[in-house]
Amino acid sequence: MSIFNRQKLTAPRLAAAGASLAIAGTLLGVGVATSAPAATAATAATAASQAPAANANAAVKPTIVLVHGAWADNSSWNAVVEELQARGYTVDVPPNPLRGVVDDANYLSDFLSTISGPIVLVGHSYGGFVITQAATGNAQVKALVYDDAFIPAAGDTAEILSGNEPGSCLAVSDPSTVLNFAPFPGAAKGDADTYVKPSVFTSCFTNGLPAREAAALAAEQQPLAASVLTETLTVAPAWQTIPSWAVIGTQDHVIPPAEQLVMAHRAGSHVTEINAPHLSMISDPRAVTQVIIAAARATS
């Protein structure tokens, strides 16, 4: 809180020794006359052989880069990865360090620099902050997709956006009622790693998922530095210059759907609402995949 055959031409044989000059001339005339269609056929074959290559270049698919959010890891994208790969897309799912908006965005920017060709950048939850900062000024990024994600502007923080509209289980006056805190090496004074309490995680993040799966996700969560919740962008948001799409789970208890709509409309995003919880890429991966593919096709 993200892959001719060339037909051999044979010269006609002279029919017999001692043929007349007229016959020879006729044979030569035939040879010259038939060479023109052969040349035309060869030219057509060459053009035909080049056409698939030209079409392939025109239909190059972008690389899809998926960025996970807070209290998660890249395995949360597994089902979406399988859907995209089955449709012939190259997919990368780099880790999100969850240390800070600027640090996480710089990490992602360095990763994006290793990719050649167009990119569709997808962020879930807090991953929306990361892609919004990292994509600014990157001409390779052709589309942004926000999956139950923050779509921040300058000055926004995750803490502020979560509380702008009612309905977030994390918008509480006492964070210790929903989060567990743990020290980590090198932390600034007052900072700590945060984990969502398991009881809150299963009711807030994974509502609608099977109980055993929800419990496993709660146990496997990756910590978010507490300071991240009050950090904002340091650059102009990428959605100002890059077209964007938003998937909004109407049963999201982490980022209220009403606030997601406000952010999406501000960014001019193409909006798709689905009946899904915050972890929509797990509960409804096909719907999320369809939006990603729509973004990829629209910007190819």
C-alpha atoms as a PDB file:
ATOM      1  CA  MET A   1       0.000   0.000   0.000  1.00  0.00           C
ATOM      2  CA  SER A   2       4.621  -5.612  -9.948  1.00  0.00           C
ATOM      3  CA  ILE A   3       9.214 -12.532 -26.669  1.00  0.00           C
ATOM      4  CA  PHE A   4      11.949 -19.690 -50.466  1.00  0.00           C
ATOM      5  CA  ASN A   5      12.426 -21.656 -52.756  1.00  0.00           C
ATOM      6  CA  ARG A   6      13.713 -20.290 -56.054  1.00  0.00           C
ATOM      7  CA  GLN A   7      12.391 -22.097 -59.097  1.00  0.00           C
ATOM      8  CA  LYS A   8      15.277 -23.122 -61.317  1.00  0.00           C
ATOM      9  CA  LEU A   9      14.875 -21.828 -64.838  1.00  0.00           C
ATOM     10  CA  THR A  10      16.155 -24.076 -67.602  1.00  0.00           C
ATOM     11  CA  ALA A  11      16.998 -22.822 -71.105  1.00  0.00           C
ATOM     12  CA  PRO A  12      15.139 -24.677 -73.861  1.00  0.00           C
ATOM     13  CA  ARG A  13      17.260 -27.095 -75.844  1.00  0.00           C
ATOM     14  CA  LEU A  14      17.678 -26.660 -79.547  1.00  0.00           C
ATOM     15  CA  ALA A  15      15.612 -29.337 -81.248  1.00  0.00           C
ATOM     16  CA  ALA A  16      18.197 -30.768 -83.632  1.00  0.00           C
ATOM     17  CA  ALA A  17      21.471 -29.956 -85.287  1.00  0.00           C
ATOM     18  CA  GLY A  18      21.128 -28.193 -88.597  1.00  0.00           C
ATOM     19  CA  ALA A  19      17.874 -26.356 -87.677  1.00  0.00           C
ATOM     20  CA  SER A  20      17.245 -23.250 -89.641  1.00  0.00           C
ATOM     21  CA  LEU A  21      18.185 -19.771 -88.513  1.00  0.00           C
ATOM     22  CA  ALA A  22      14.504 -18.842 -88.409  1.00  0.00           C
ATOM     23  CA  ILE A  23      13.738 -21.667 -86.003  1.00  0.00           C
ATOM     24  CA  ALA A  24      16.717 -20.714 -83.870  1.00  0.00           C
ATOM     25  CA  GLY A  25      15.537 -17.132 -83.873  1.00  0.00           C
ATOM     26  CA  THR A  26      12.085 -18.252 -82.803  1.00  0.00           C
ATOM     27  CA  LEU A  27      13.530 -20.274 -79.946  1.00  0.00           C
ATOM     28  CA  LEU A  28      15.608 -17.321 -78.804  1.00  0.00           C
ATOM     29  CA  GLY A  29      12.535 -15.105 -78.962  1.00  0.00           C
ATOM     30  CA  VAL A  30      10.650 -17.515 -76.715  1.00  0.00           C
ATOM     31  CA  GLY A  31      13.523 -17.489 -74.239  1.00  0.00           C
ATOM     32  CA  VAL A  32      13.491 -13.705 -74.016  1.00  0.00           C
ATOM     33  CA  ALA A  33       9.696 -13.530 -73.785  1.00  0.00           C
ATOM     34  CA  THR A  34       9.508 -16.056 -70.938  1.00  0.00           C
ATOM     35  CA  SER A  35      12.271 -14.367 -68.948  1.00  0.00           C
ATOM     36  CA  ALA A  36      10.068 -11.352 -68.179  1.00  0.00           C
ATOM     37  CA  PRO A  37       7.315 -13.321 -66.357  1.00  0.00           C
ATOM     38  CA  ALA A  38      10.014 -15.261 -64.526  1.00  0.00           C
ATOM     39  CA  ALA A  39      11.608 -12.023 -63.346  1.00  0.00           C
ATOM     40  CA  THR A  40       8.212 -10.697 -62.301  1.00  0.00           C
ATOM     41  CA  ALA A  41       7.539 -13.908 -60.355  1.00  0.00           C
ATOM     42  CA  ALA A  42      10.912 -13.653 -58.638  1.00  0.00           C
ATOM     43  CA  THR A  43      10.225 -10.037 -57.670  1.00  0.00           C
ATOM     44  CA  ALA A  44       6.807 -11.004 -56.305  1.00  0.00           C
ATOM     45  CA  ALA A  45       8.319 -13.870 -54.329  1.00  0.00           C
ATOM     46  CA  THR A  46      10.890 -11.509 -52.814  1.00  0.00           C
ATOM     47  CA  ALA A  47       8.193  -9.011 -51.871  1.00  0.00           C
ATOM     48  CA  ALA A  48       6.083 -11.793 -50.377  1.00  0.00           C
ATOM     49  CA  SER A  49       8.996 -13.031 -48.315  1.00  0.00           C
ATOM     50  CA  GLN A  50       9.599  -9.542 -46.944  1.00  0.00           C
ATOM     51  CA  ALA A  51       5.922  -8.914 -46.109  1.00  0.00           C
ATOM     52  CA  PRO A  52       5.756 -11.264 -43.068  1.00  0.00           C
ATOM     53  CA  ALA A  53       8.852  -9.608 -41.616  1.00  0.00           C
ATOM     54  CA  ALA A  54       7.332  -6.164 -42.082  1.00  0.00           C
ATOM     55  CA  ASN A  55       4.064  -7.313 -40.514  1.00  0.00           C
ATOM     56  CA  ALA A  56       5.940  -8.896 -37.603  1.00  0.00           C
ATOM     57  CA  ASN A  57       7.742  -5.631 -36.933  1.00  0.00           C
ATOM     58  CA  ALA A  58       4.467  -3.721 -37.044  1.00  0.00           C
ATOM     59  CA  ALA A  59       2.882  -6.135 -34.545  1.00  0.00           C
ATOM     60  CA  VAL A  60       5.648  -6.258 -31.945  1.00  0.00           C
ATOM     61  CA  LYS A  61       4.084  -6.947 -28.547  1.00  0.00           C
ATOM     62  CA  PRO A  62       5.205  -4.833 -25.615  1.00  0.00           C
ATOM     63  CA  THR A  63       6.883  -6.337 -22.585  1.00  0.00           C
ATOM     64  CA  ILE A  64       4.477  -6.400 -19.642  1.00  0.00           C
ATOM     65  CA  VAL A  65       6.094  -5.420 -16.341  1.00  0.00           C
ATOM     66  CA  LEU A  66       4.060  -6.196 -13.207  1.00  0.00           C
ATOM     67  CA  VAL A  67       4.806  -4.435  -9.903  1.00  0.00           C
ATOM     68  CA  HIS A  68       3.360  -5.776  -6.650  1.00  0.00           C
ATOM     69  CA  GLY A  69       2.176  -3.675  -3.760  1.00  0.00           C
ATOM     70  CA  ALA A  70       2.817  -3.502  -0.037  1.00  0.00           C
ATOM     71  CA  TRP A  71       2.681  -6.587   2.196  1.00  0.00           C
ATOM     72  CA  ALA A  72       2.974  -8.818  -0.879  1.00  0.00           C
ATOM     73  CA  ASP A  73       5.582 -10.239  -3.227  1.00  0.00           C
ATOM     74  CA  ASN A  74       5.749 -10.927  -6.965  1.00  0.00           C
ATOM     75  CA  SER A  75       4.056 -14.327  -6.583  1.00  0.00           C
ATOM     76  CA  SER A  76       0.779 -12.436  -6.223  1.00  0.00           C
ATOM     77  CA  TRP A  77       0.906 -11.993 -10.011  1.00  0.00           C
ATOM     78  CA  ASN A  78       1.310 -15.718 -10.809  1.00  0.00           C
ATOM     79  CA  ALA A  79      -2.126 -16.275 -12.353  1.00  0.00           C
ATOM     80  CA  VAL A  80      -1.920 -13.089 -14.457  1.00  0.00           C
ATOM     81  CA  VAL A  81       1.566 -14.066 -15.651  1.00  0.00           C
ATOM     82  CA  GLU A  82       0.243 -17.421 -16.854  1.00  0.00           C
ATOM     83  CA  GLU A  83      -2.660 -15.731 -18.674  1.00  0.00           C
ATOM     84  CA  LEU A  84      -0.370 -13.234 -20.413  1.00  0.00           C
ATOM     85  CA  GLN A  85       2.269 -15.787 -21.370  1.00  0.00           C
ATOM     86  CA  ALA A  86      -0.433 -18.032 -22.862  1.00  0.00           C
ATOM     87  CA  ARG A  87      -1.250 -15.112 -25.162  1.00  0.00           C
ATOM     88  CA  GLY A  88       2.349 -14.698 -26.301  1.00  0.00           C
ATOM     89  CA  TYR A  89       3.438 -11.770 -24.139  1.00  0.00           C
ATOM     90  CA  THR A  90       6.852 -11.412 -22.514  1.00  0.00           C
ATOM     91  CA  VAL A  91       6.261 -10.757 -18.812  1.00  0.00           C
ATOM     92  CA  ASP A  92       8.659  -9.504 -16.139  1.00  0.00           C
ATOM     93  CA  VAL A  93       7.824  -9.334 -12.445  1.00  0.00           C
ATOM     94  CA  PRO A  94      10.689  -7.596 -10.630  1.00  0.00           C
ATOM     95  CA  PRO A  95      10.662  -7.385  -6.840  1.00  0.00           C
ATOM     96  CA  ASN A  96       9.428  -4.195  -5.198  1.00  0.00           C
ATOM     97  CA  PRO A  97      11.755  -3.481  -2.246  1.00  0.00           C
ATOM     98  CA  LEU A  98       9.051  -1.623  -0.251  1.00  0.00           C
ATOM     99  CA  ARG A  99      11.603   0.751   1.248  1.00  0.00           C
ATOM    100  CA  GLY A 100      10.303   4.092  -0.044  1.00  0.00           C
ATOM    101  CA  VAL A 101       8.623   5.719  -3.027  1.00  0.00           C
ATOM    102  CA  VAL A 102      11.833   7.198  -4.460  1.00  0.00           C
ATOM    103  CA  ASP A 103      14.047   4.209  -3.682  1.00  0.00           C
ATOM    104  CA  ASP A 104      11.522   1.705  -5.031  1.00  0.00           C
ATOM    105  CA  ALA A 105      10.952   3.779  -8.176  1.00  0.00           C
ATOM    106  CA  ASN A 106      14.702   4.093  -8.772  1.00  0.00           C
ATOM    107  CA  TYR A 107      15.036   0.327  -8.442  1.00  0.00           C
ATOM    108  CA  LEU A 108      12.250  -0.156 -10.982  1.00  0.00           C
ATOM    109  CA  SER A 109      13.737   2.458 -13.340  1.00  0.00           C
ATOM    110  CA  ASP A 110      17.043   0.618 -13.369  1.00  0.00           C
ATOM    111  CA  PHE A 111      15.231  -2.606 -14.172  1.00  0.00           C
ATOM    112  CA  LEU A 112      13.262  -1.007 -17.001  1.00  0.00           C
ATOM    113  CA  SER A 113      16.526   0.203 -18.553  1.00  0.00           C
ATOM    114  CA  THR A 114      17.439  -3.425 -19.295  1.00  0.00           C
ATOM    115  CA  ILE A 115      14.362  -3.923 -21.518  1.00  0.00           C
ATOM    116  CA  SER A 116      14.371  -3.119 -25.214  1.00  0.00           C
ATOM    117  CA  GLY A 117      11.195  -2.087 -26.990  1.00  0.00           C
ATOM    118  CA  PRO A 118       7.821  -0.873 -25.706  1.00  0.00           C
ATOM    119  CA  ILE A 119       6.635  -1.519 -22.153  1.00  0.00           C
ATOM    120  CA  VAL A 120       3.252  -1.707 -20.459  1.00  0.00           C
ATOM    121  CA  LEU A 121       3.767  -0.981 -16.770  1.00  0.00           C
ATOM    122  CA  VAL A 122       1.269  -2.410 -14.274  1.00  0.00           C
ATOM    123  CA  GLY A 123       1.076  -1.615 -10.582  1.00  0.00           C
ATOM    124  CA  HIS A 124      -1.063  -3.041  -7.791  1.00  0.00           C
ATOM    125  CA  SER A 125      -1.923  -1.084  -4.657  1.00  0.00           C
ATOM    126  CA  TYR A 126       1.182   0.795  -3.425  1.00  0.00           C
ATOM    127  CA  GLY A 127       2.802  -0.314  -6.698  1.00  0.00           C
ATOM    128  CA  GLY A 128       0.763   2.505  -8.252  1.00  0.00           C
ATOM    129  CA  PHE A 129       3.001   5.020  -6.495  1.00  0.00           C
ATOM    130  CA  VAL A 130       6.093   3.238  -7.774  1.00  0.00           C
ATOM    131  CA  ILE A 131       5.070   3.042 -11.435  1.00  0.00           C
ATOM    132  CA  THR A 132       3.787   6.625 -11.423  1.00  0.00           C
ATOM    133  CA  GLN A 133       7.182   7.902 -10.326  1.00  0.00           C
ATOM    134  CA  ALA A 134       9.357   5.444 -12.280  1.00  0.00           C
ATOM    135  CA  ALA A 135       7.674   5.907 -15.677  1.00  0.00           C
ATOM    136  CA  THR A 136       8.022   9.692 -15.802  1.00  0.00           C
ATOM    137  CA  GLY A 137      10.315  10.595 -18.715  1.00  0.00           C
ATOM    138  CA  ASN A 138      10.645   6.980 -19.914  1.00  0.00           C
ATOM    139  CA  ALA A 139       9.694   6.968 -23.609  1.00  0.00           C
ATOM    140  CA  GLN A 140       9.550   3.159 -23.691  1.00  0.00           C
ATOM    141  CA  VAL A 141       6.575   3.030 -21.325  1.00  0.00           C
ATOM    142  CA  LYS A 142       3.524   3.225 -23.570  1.00  0.00           C
ATOM    143  CA  ALA A 143       0.765   2.489 -21.052  1.00  0.00           C
ATOM    144  CA  LEU A 144       0.147   2.427 -17.317  1.00  0.00           C
ATOM    145  CA  VAL A 145      -2.310  -0.007 -15.733  1.00  0.00           C
ATOM    146  CA  TYR A 146      -3.467   0.501 -12.153  1.00  0.00           C
ATOM    147  CA  ASP A 147      -4.957  -2.603 -10.535  1.00  0.00           C
ATOM    148  CA  ASP A 148      -6.738  -1.646  -7.319  1.00  0.00           C
ATOM    149  CA  ALA A 149      -3.936   0.842  -6.998  1.00  0.00           C
ATOM    150  CA  PHE A 150      -3.094   4.348  -5.925  1.00  0.00           C
ATOM    151  CA  ILE A 151      -2.930   6.790  -8.840  1.00  0.00           C
ATOM    152  CA  PRO A 152      -1.163   9.598  -7.016  1.00  0.00           C
ATOM    153  CA  ALA A 153      -0.540  13.227  -7.875  1.00  0.00           C
ATOM    154  CA  ALA A 154       2.092  15.498  -6.376  1.00  0.00           C
ATOM    155  CA  GLY A 155       1.571  15.854  -2.636  1.00  0.00           C
ATOM    156  CA  ASP A 156      -0.494  12.679  -2.267  1.00  0.00           C
ATOM    157  CA  THR A 157       0.533  10.025   0.225  1.00  0.00           C
ATOM    158  CA  ALA A 158      -0.823   6.532   0.763  1.00  0.00           C
ATOM    159  CA  GLU A 159      -1.983   7.574   4.217  1.00  0.00           C
ATOM    160  CA  ILE A 160      -3.967  10.552   2.881  1.00  0.00           C
ATOM    161  CA  LEU A 161      -5.484   8.726  -0.105  1.00  0.00           C
ATOM    162  CA  SER A 162      -6.619   5.787   2.025  1.00  0.00           C
ATOM    163  CA  GLY A 163      -8.618   8.085   4.261  1.00  0.00           C
ATOM    164  CA  ASN A 164     -10.104  10.470   1.697  1.00  0.00           C
ATOM    165  CA  GLU A 165     -13.185   8.269   1.321  1.00  0.00           C
ATOM    166  CA  PRO A 166     -14.709   5.968   3.947  1.00  0.00           C
ATOM    167  CA  GLY A 167     -14.202   2.229   3.735  1.00  0.00           C
ATOM    168  CA  SER A 168     -10.493   1.489   4.243  1.00  0.00           C
ATOM    169  CA  CYS A 169      -9.743  -0.923   7.064  1.00  0.00           C
ATOM    170  CA  LEU A 170      -6.310   0.714   7.404  1.00  0.00           C
ATOM    171  CA  ALA A 171      -7.603   4.258   7.907  1.00  0.00           C
ATOM    172  CA  VAL A 172      -7.545   4.188  11.700  1.00  0.00           C
ATOM    173  CA  SER A 173      -6.448   6.625  14.367  1.00  0.00           C
ATOM    174  CA  ASP A 174      -4.162   4.082  16.030  1.00  0.00           C
ATOM    175  CA  PRO A 175      -2.056   2.139  13.465  1.00  0.00           C
ATOM    176  CA  SER A 176      -1.041  -0.399  16.110  1.00  0.00           C
ATOM    177  CA  THR A 177      -4.584  -1.798  15.993  1.00  0.00           C
ATOM    178  CA  VAL A 178      -4.076  -2.985  12.413  1.00  0.00           C
ATOM    179  CA  LEU A 179      -0.288  -3.229  12.020  1.00  0.00           C
ATOM    180  CA  ASN A 180       2.535  -5.073  13.752  1.00  0.00           C
ATOM    181  CA  PHE A 181       5.905  -3.288  13.897  1.00  0.00           C
ATOM    182  CA  ALA A 182       9.409  -4.761  13.761  1.00  0.00           C
ATOM    183  CA  PRO A 183      12.844  -3.109  13.678  1.00  0.00           C
ATOM    184  CA  PHE A 184      15.083  -3.479  10.641  1.00  0.00           C
ATOM    185  CA  PRO A 185      18.819  -2.775  10.166  1.00  0.00           C
ATOM    186  CA  GLY A 186      19.657   0.736   9.048  1.00  0.00           C
ATOM    187  CA  ALA A 187      16.214   2.128   9.787  1.00  0.00           C
ATOM    188  CA  ALA A 188      15.962   5.857  10.360  1.00  0.00           C
ATOM    189  CA  LYS A 189      14.968   6.915  13.843  1.00  0.00           C
ATOM    190  CA  GLY A 190      11.261   6.230  14.345  1.00  0.00           C
ATOM    191  CA  ASP A 191      10.958   3.979  11.286  1.00  0.00           C
ATOM    192  CA  ALA A 192      10.126   0.275  11.377  1.00  0.00           C
ATOM    193  CA  ASP A 193       8.892  -2.558   9.214  1.00  0.00           C
ATOM    194  CA  THR A 194       5.148  -3.014   9.252  1.00  0.00           C
ATOM    195  CA  TYR A 195       3.067  -6.155   8.845  1.00  0.00           C
ATOM    196  CA  VAL A 196      -0.706  -6.258   8.629  1.00  0.00           C
ATOM    197  CA  LYS A 197      -2.143  -8.206  11.539  1.00  0.00           C
ATOM    198  CA  PRO A 198      -3.306 -11.609  10.236  1.00  0.00           C
ATOM    199  CA  SER A 199      -6.874 -11.096  11.431  1.00  0.00           C
ATOM    200  CA  VAL A 200      -7.026  -7.771   9.585  1.00  0.00           C
ATOM    201  CA  PHE A 201      -5.318  -9.149   6.480  1.00  0.00           C
ATOM    202  CA  THR A 202      -7.876 -11.898   5.927  1.00  0.00           C
ATOM    203  CA  SER A 203     -10.855  -9.589   6.328  1.00  0.00           C
ATOM    204  CA  CYS A 204      -9.366  -6.571   4.611  1.00  0.00           C
ATOM    205  CA  PHE A 205      -7.124  -7.825   1.783  1.00  0.00           C
ATOM    206  CA  THR A 206      -8.430 -11.295   0.986  1.00  0.00           C
ATOM    207  CA  ASN A 207     -12.183 -11.046   1.547  1.00  0.00           C
ATOM    208  CA  GLY A 208     -13.791 -13.396  -0.935  1.00  0.00           C
ATOM    209  CA  LEU A 209     -10.804 -15.744  -1.193  1.00  0.00           C
ATOM    210  CA  PRO A 210     -10.795 -19.251   0.329  1.00  0.00           C
ATOM    211  CA  ALA A 211      -9.871 -19.161   4.015  1.00  0.00           C
ATOM    212  CA  ARG A 212      -6.774 -21.362   3.644  1.00  0.00           C
ATOM    213  CA  GLU A 213      -5.420 -19.258   0.785  1.00  0.00           C
ATOM    214  CA  ALA A 214      -6.119 -16.061   2.725  1.00  0.00           C
ATOM    215  CA  ALA A 215      -4.287 -17.385   5.788  1.00  0.00           C
ATOM    216  CA  ALA A 216      -1.268 -18.373   3.696  1.00  0.00           C
ATOM    217  CA  LEU A 217      -1.076 -14.926   2.072  1.00  0.00           C
ATOM    218  CA  ALA A 218      -1.244 -13.286   5.498  1.00  0.00           C
ATOM    219  CA  ALA A 219       1.651 -15.429   6.718  1.00  0.00           C
ATOM    220  CA  GLU A 220       3.773 -14.774   3.598  1.00  0.00           C
ATOM    221  CA  GLN A 221       3.427 -10.980   3.436  1.00  0.00           C
ATOM    222  CA  GLN A 222       6.522  -8.876   2.853  1.00  0.00           C
ATOM    223  CA  PRO A 223       7.019  -5.891   5.194  1.00  0.00           C
ATOM    224  CA  LEU A 224       6.590  -2.260   4.225  1.00  0.00           C
ATOM    225  CA  ALA A 225       8.694   0.439   5.867  1.00  0.00           C
ATOM    226  CA  ALA A 226       6.321   2.586   7.918  1.00  0.00           C
ATOM    227  CA  SER A 227       7.810   5.773   6.475  1.00  0.00           C
ATOM    228  CA  VAL A 228       6.515   4.840   3.013  1.00  0.00           C
ATOM    229  CA  LEU A 229       2.963   5.634   4.094  1.00  0.00           C
ATOM    230  CA  THR A 230       3.756   9.350   4.364  1.00  0.00           C
ATOM    231  CA  GLU A 231       5.991   9.706   1.275  1.00  0.00           C
ATOM    232  CA  THR A 232       4.908  11.355  -1.972  1.00  0.00           C
ATOM    233  CA  LEU A 233       6.113  11.740  -5.557  1.00  0.00           C
ATOM    234  CA  THR A 234       9.194  13.817  -6.335  1.00  0.00           C
ATOM    235  CA  VAL A 235       8.421  14.147 -10.067  1.00  0.00           C
ATOM    236  CA  ALA A 236       5.384  14.966 -12.179  1.00  0.00           C
ATOM    237  CA  PRO A 237       3.072  11.930 -12.281  1.00  0.00           C
ATOM    238  CA  ALA A 238       3.652   9.765 -15.356  1.00  0.00           C
ATOM    239  CA  TRP A 239      -0.089   9.558 -16.118  1.00  0.00           C
ATOM    240  CA  GLN A 240       0.032  13.186 -17.237  1.00  0.00           C
ATOM    241  CA  THR A 241       1.804  12.093 -20.431  1.00  0.00           C
ATOM    242  CA  ILE A 242       1.190   8.323 -20.644  1.00  0.00           C
ATOM    243  CA  PRO A 243      -2.286   6.820 -21.235  1.00  0.00           C
ATOM    244  CA  SER A 244      -3.604   4.833 -18.310  1.00  0.00           C
ATOM    245  CA  TRP A 245      -6.120   2.121 -17.444  1.00  0.00           C
ATOM    246  CA  ALA A 246      -7.631   1.348 -14.043  1.00  0.00           C
ATOM    247  CA  VAL A 247      -9.106  -1.886 -12.681  1.00  0.00           C
ATOM    248  CA  ILE A 248     -11.281  -1.155  -9.656  1.00  0.00           C
ATOM    249  CA  GLY A 249     -12.479  -3.955  -7.396  1.00  0.00           C
ATOM    250  CA  THR A 250     -15.826  -2.906  -6.010  1.00  0.00           C
ATOM    251  CA  GLN A 251     -15.241  -5.033  -2.879  1.00  0.00           C
ATOM    252  CA  ASP A 252     -11.846  -3.438  -2.106  1.00  0.00           C
ATOM    253  CA  HIS A 253     -11.556  -2.809   1.642  1.00  0.00           C
ATOM    254  CA  VAL A 254      -8.027  -1.356   1.470  1.00  0.00           C
ATOM    255  CA  ILE A 255      -8.324   1.488  -1.070  1.00  0.00           C
ATOM    256  CA  PRO A 256     -11.989   2.513  -1.155  1.00  0.00           C
ATOM    257  CA  PRO A 257     -13.474   2.080  -4.641  1.00  0.00           C
ATOM    258  CA  ALA A 258     -14.906   5.612  -4.431  1.00  0.00           C
ATOM    259  CA  GLU A 259     -11.394   7.003  -3.990  1.00  0.00           C
ATOM    260  CA  GLN A 260     -10.058   4.830  -6.789  1.00  0.00           C
ATOM    261  CA  LEU A 261     -12.693   6.341  -9.091  1.00  0.00           C
ATOM    262  CA  VAL A 262     -11.704   9.870  -8.074  1.00  0.00           C
ATOM    263  CA  MET A 263      -8.041   9.152  -8.816  1.00  0.00           C
ATOM    264  CA  ALA A 264      -8.829   7.382 -12.105  1.00  0.00           C
ATOM    265  CA  HIS A 265     -11.003  10.221 -13.367  1.00  0.00           C
ATOM    266  CA  ARG A 266      -8.343  12.757 -12.409  1.00  0.00           C
ATOM    267  CA  ALA A 267      -5.792  10.800 -14.433  1.00  0.00           C
ATOM    268  CA  GLY A 268      -8.149  10.334 -17.390  1.00  0.00           C
ATOM    269  CA  SER A 269      -7.853   6.559 -17.050  1.00  0.00           C
ATOM    270  CA  HIS A 270      -9.943   3.984 -18.892  1.00  0.00           C
ATOM    271  CA  VAL A 271     -11.934   2.455 -16.020  1.00  0.00           C
ATOM    272  CA  THR A 272     -13.056  -1.151 -15.595  1.00  0.00           C
ATOM    273  CA  GLU A 273     -14.972  -2.053 -12.443  1.00  0.00           C
ATOM    274  CA  ILE A 274     -15.140  -5.692 -11.360  1.00  0.00           C
ATOM    275  CA  ASN A 275     -16.698  -7.497  -8.416  1.00  0.00           C
ATOM    276  CA  ALA A 276     -13.442  -8.309  -6.650  1.00  0.00           C
ATOM    277  CA  PRO A 277     -11.519  -7.612  -3.422  1.00  0.00           C
ATOM    278  CA  HIS A 278      -8.241  -5.716  -3.136  1.00  0.00           C
ATOM    279  CA  LEU A 279      -6.276  -8.706  -4.438  1.00  0.00           C
ATOM    280  CA  SER A 280      -8.202  -8.792  -7.704  1.00  0.00           C
ATOM    281  CA  MET A 281      -5.249 -10.222  -9.645  1.00  0.00           C
ATOM    282  CA  ILE A 282      -5.598 -13.334  -7.460  1.00  0.00           C
ATOM    283  CA  SER A 283      -9.385 -13.538  -7.258  1.00  0.00           C
ATOM    284  CA  ASP A 284     -10.096 -12.596 -10.891  1.00  0.00           C
ATOM    285  CA  PRO A 285      -6.870 -12.813 -12.919  1.00  0.00           C
ATOM    286  CA  ARG A 286      -8.654 -13.140 -16.279  1.00  0.00           C
ATOM    287  CA  ALA A 287     -10.470  -9.829 -15.887  1.00  0.00           C
ATOM    288  CA  VAL A 288      -7.257  -8.076 -14.874  1.00  0.00           C
ATOM    289  CA  THR A 289      -5.417  -9.687 -17.791  1.00  0.00           C
ATOM    290  CA  GLN A 290      -8.044  -8.499 -20.253  1.00  0.00           C
ATOM    291  CA  VAL A 291      -7.504  -4.892 -19.201  1.00  0.00           C
ATOM    292  CA  ILE A 292      -3.722  -5.245 -19.499  1.00  0.00           C
ATOM    293  CA  ILE A 293      -4.096  -6.687 -22.994  1.00  0.00           C
ATOM    294  CA  ALA A 294      -6.482  -3.881 -23.960  1.00  0.00           C
ATOM    295  CA  ALA A 295      -3.835  -1.357 -22.879  1.00  0.00           C
ATOM    296  CA  ALA A 296      -1.131  -3.242 -24.796  1.00  0.00           C
ATOM    297  CA  ARG A 297      -3.194  -3.349 -27.997  1.00  0.00           C
ATOM    298  CA  ALA A 298      -4.291   0.266 -27.765  1.00  0.00           C
ATOM    299  CA  THR A 299      -0.729   1.510 -27.545  1.00  0.00           C
ATOM    300  CA  SER A 300       1.046  -0.939 -29.883  1.00  0.00           C
END
